[in-house]
Structure formats: C-alpha cells, structure tokens
Amino acid sequence: MHSCLILSCLLQMDWRTVHDESIPWGALPYIAFTFLIVGTLVRFFYFERNWTTKSSEFLEKKQLRIANPLFHFGLLCVIGG
C-alpha cells in the first residue's frame, strides 16, 4: 500500500523543477571554490610584485578606525547567532 503511494507521488513529481533547483546549490559552491583557488594561484604566479604583506593603509582613515572593528564585530555576532 505504501509503496503504491510513494510510486504515485514520484510519478507526479516534476523532475525538471527538482533538477533546476539542485544546480545552484549543488554545483555553484564547487565552481566558486575553483575560482578561488585558480584566481589565487594566477595572482601568485603572474603578479608576484603585488603579493605583499604591507598594509594597504585603509585603516589610517579616521572614519575606518572605528567603523572597521565594529563592522567585523557585527559580522561575528550575526554569524555566531
């Protein structure tokens, strides 16, 4: 009895919708991760002079001295729940 009910539900399901919804959640994270790794390697090997540990001096602006730590604290609060 239950198997007939499950089979009838499966036959009525629109499989295109299921497949279309699984593409963004199934493939896009892997594509984004691949871009991250490839982009990092390209920047490291082809733009070596730009790869530095020097400060970009964005914290030297007066407004960002206060706003930047508050922004990151807010992010930690949102992510942490």
C-alpha atoms as a PDB file:
ATOM      1  CA  MET A   1       0.000   0.000   0.000  1.00  0.00           C
ATOM      2  CA  HIS A   2       2.697   2.487   0.988  1.00  0.00           C
ATOM      3  CA  SER A   3       4.877   1.622  -1.991  1.00  0.00           C
ATOM      4  CA  CYS A   4       1.991   2.403  -4.365  1.00  0.00           C
ATOM      5  CA  LEU A   5       1.506   5.771  -2.680  1.00  0.00           C
ATOM      6  CA  ILE A   6       5.220   6.586  -2.920  1.00  0.00           C
ATOM      7  CA  LEU A   7       5.327   5.466  -6.550  1.00  0.00           C
ATOM      8  CA  SER A   8       2.341   7.620  -7.477  1.00  0.00           C
ATOM      9  CA  CYS A   9       3.946  10.644  -5.769  1.00  0.00           C
ATOM     10  CA  LEU A  10       7.194  10.059  -7.649  1.00  0.00           C
ATOM     11  CA  LEU A  11       5.376   9.779 -10.966  1.00  0.00           C
ATOM     12  CA  GLN A  12       3.518  13.053 -10.389  1.00  0.00           C
ATOM     13  CA  MET A  13       6.645  14.966  -9.386  1.00  0.00           C
ATOM     14  CA  ASP A  14       8.025  17.494 -11.849  1.00  0.00           C
ATOM     15  CA  TRP A  15      11.654  16.363 -12.133  1.00  0.00           C
ATOM     16  CA  ARG A  16      12.732  19.456 -14.081  1.00  0.00           C
ATOM     17  CA  THR A  17      11.975  21.607 -11.048  1.00  0.00           C
ATOM     18  CA  VAL A  18      13.964  19.336  -8.753  1.00  0.00           C
ATOM     19  CA  HIS A  19      16.918  19.319 -11.136  1.00  0.00           C
ATOM     20  CA  ASP A  20      16.813  23.081 -11.732  1.00  0.00           C
ATOM     21  CA  GLU A  21      16.832  23.808  -8.005  1.00  0.00           C
ATOM     22  CA  SER A  22      19.710  21.429  -7.287  1.00  0.00           C
ATOM     23  CA  ILE A  23      22.078  23.054  -9.804  1.00  0.00           C
ATOM     24  CA  PRO A  24      22.710  26.274  -7.838  1.00  0.00           C
ATOM     25  CA  TRP A  25      23.076  24.503  -4.502  1.00  0.00           C
ATOM     26  CA  GLY A  26      24.990  21.524  -5.892  1.00  0.00           C
ATOM     27  CA  ALA A  27      27.360  22.941  -8.495  1.00  0.00           C
ATOM     28  CA  LEU A  28      27.883  26.631  -7.748  1.00  0.00           C
ATOM     29  CA  PRO A  29      29.793  26.137  -4.478  1.00  0.00           C
ATOM     30  CA  TYR A  30      32.317  23.958  -6.309  1.00  0.00           C
ATOM     31  CA  ILE A  31      32.588  26.476  -9.141  1.00  0.00           C
ATOM     32  CA  ALA A  32      33.167  29.310  -6.651  1.00  0.00           C
ATOM     33  CA  PHE A  33      35.804  27.291  -4.796  1.00  0.00           C
ATOM     34  CA  THR A  34      37.562  26.508  -8.097  1.00  0.00           C
ATOM     35  CA  PHE A  35      37.610  30.218  -8.998  1.00  0.00           C
ATOM     36  CA  LEU A  36      39.058  30.985  -5.560  1.00  0.00           C
ATOM     37  CA  ILE A  37      41.919  28.502  -5.921  1.00  0.00           C
ATOM     38  CA  VAL A  38      42.682  29.269  -9.583  1.00  0.00           C
ATOM     39  CA  GLY A  39      42.490  33.030  -9.005  1.00  0.00           C
ATOM     40  CA  THR A  40      44.838  32.804  -6.044  1.00  0.00           C
ATOM     41  CA  LEU A  41      47.356  30.721  -7.992  1.00  0.00           C
ATOM     42  CA  VAL A  42      47.219  33.018 -11.041  1.00  0.00           C
ATOM     43  CA  ARG A  43      47.750  36.073  -8.863  1.00  0.00           C
ATOM     44  CA  PHE A  44      50.629  34.412  -7.024  1.00  0.00           C
ATOM     45  CA  PHE A  45      52.495  33.243 -10.126  1.00  0.00           C
ATOM     46  CA  TYR A  46      51.777  36.048 -12.606  1.00  0.00           C
ATOM     47  CA  PHE A  47      51.563  39.112 -10.368  1.00  0.00           C
ATOM     48  CA  GLU A  48      54.296  38.394  -7.841  1.00  0.00           C
ATOM     49  CA  ARG A  49      55.131  42.039  -7.223  1.00  0.00           C
ATOM     50  CA  ASN A  50      51.613  42.713  -5.959  1.00  0.00           C
ATOM     51  CA  TRP A  51      51.779  39.840  -3.466  1.00  0.00           C
ATOM     52  CA  THR A  52      52.909  41.637  -0.322  1.00  0.00           C
ATOM     53  CA  THR A  53      52.311  41.810   3.408  1.00  0.00           C
ATOM     54  CA  LYS A  54      52.471  45.589   3.510  1.00  0.00           C
ATOM     55  CA  SER A  55      49.440  47.421   4.801  1.00  0.00           C
ATOM     56  CA  SER A  56      47.080  48.875   2.256  1.00  0.00           C
ATOM     57  CA  GLU A  57      46.665  51.823   4.649  1.00  0.00           C
ATOM     58  CA  PHE A  58      42.891  51.601   4.635  1.00  0.00           C
ATOM     59  CA  LEU A  59      42.857  51.651   8.447  1.00  0.00           C
ATOM     60  CA  GLU A  60      44.617  55.002   8.535  1.00  0.00           C
ATOM     61  CA  LYS A  61      41.482  56.908   7.621  1.00  0.00           C
ATOM     62  CA  LYS A  62      39.868  58.308  10.737  1.00  0.00           C
ATOM     63  CA  GLN A  63      36.345  57.041   9.993  1.00  0.00           C
ATOM     64  CA  LEU A  64      37.501  53.490   9.352  1.00  0.00           C
ATOM     65  CA  ARG A  65      39.472  53.225  12.587  1.00  0.00           C
ATOM     66  CA  ILE A  66      36.195  52.981  14.469  1.00  0.00           C
ATOM     67  CA  ALA A  67      33.931  51.513  11.800  1.00  0.00           C
ATOM     68  CA  ASN A  68      36.094  48.579  10.715  1.00  0.00           C
ATOM     69  CA  PRO A  69      36.286  46.797  14.102  1.00  0.00           C
ATOM     70  CA  LEU A  70      32.590  47.468  14.705  1.00  0.00           C
ATOM     71  CA  PHE A  71      31.720  46.029  11.300  1.00  0.00           C
ATOM     72  CA  HIS A  72      33.702  42.853  11.961  1.00  0.00           C
ATOM     73  CA  PHE A  73      32.256  42.513  15.457  1.00  0.00           C
ATOM     74  CA  GLY A  74      28.783  42.804  13.930  1.00  0.00           C
ATOM     75  CA  LEU A  75      29.607  40.107  11.399  1.00  0.00           C
ATOM     76  CA  LEU A  76      30.797  37.784  14.156  1.00  0.00           C
ATOM     77  CA  CYS A  77      27.569  38.415  16.069  1.00  0.00           C
ATOM     78  CA  VAL A  78      25.426  37.659  13.012  1.00  0.00           C
ATOM     79  CA  ILE A  79      27.378  34.523  12.090  1.00  0.00           C
ATOM     80  CA  GLY A  80      27.605  33.330  15.677  1.00  0.00           C
ATOM     81  CA  GLY A  81      23.924  33.834  16.290  1.00  0.00           C
END
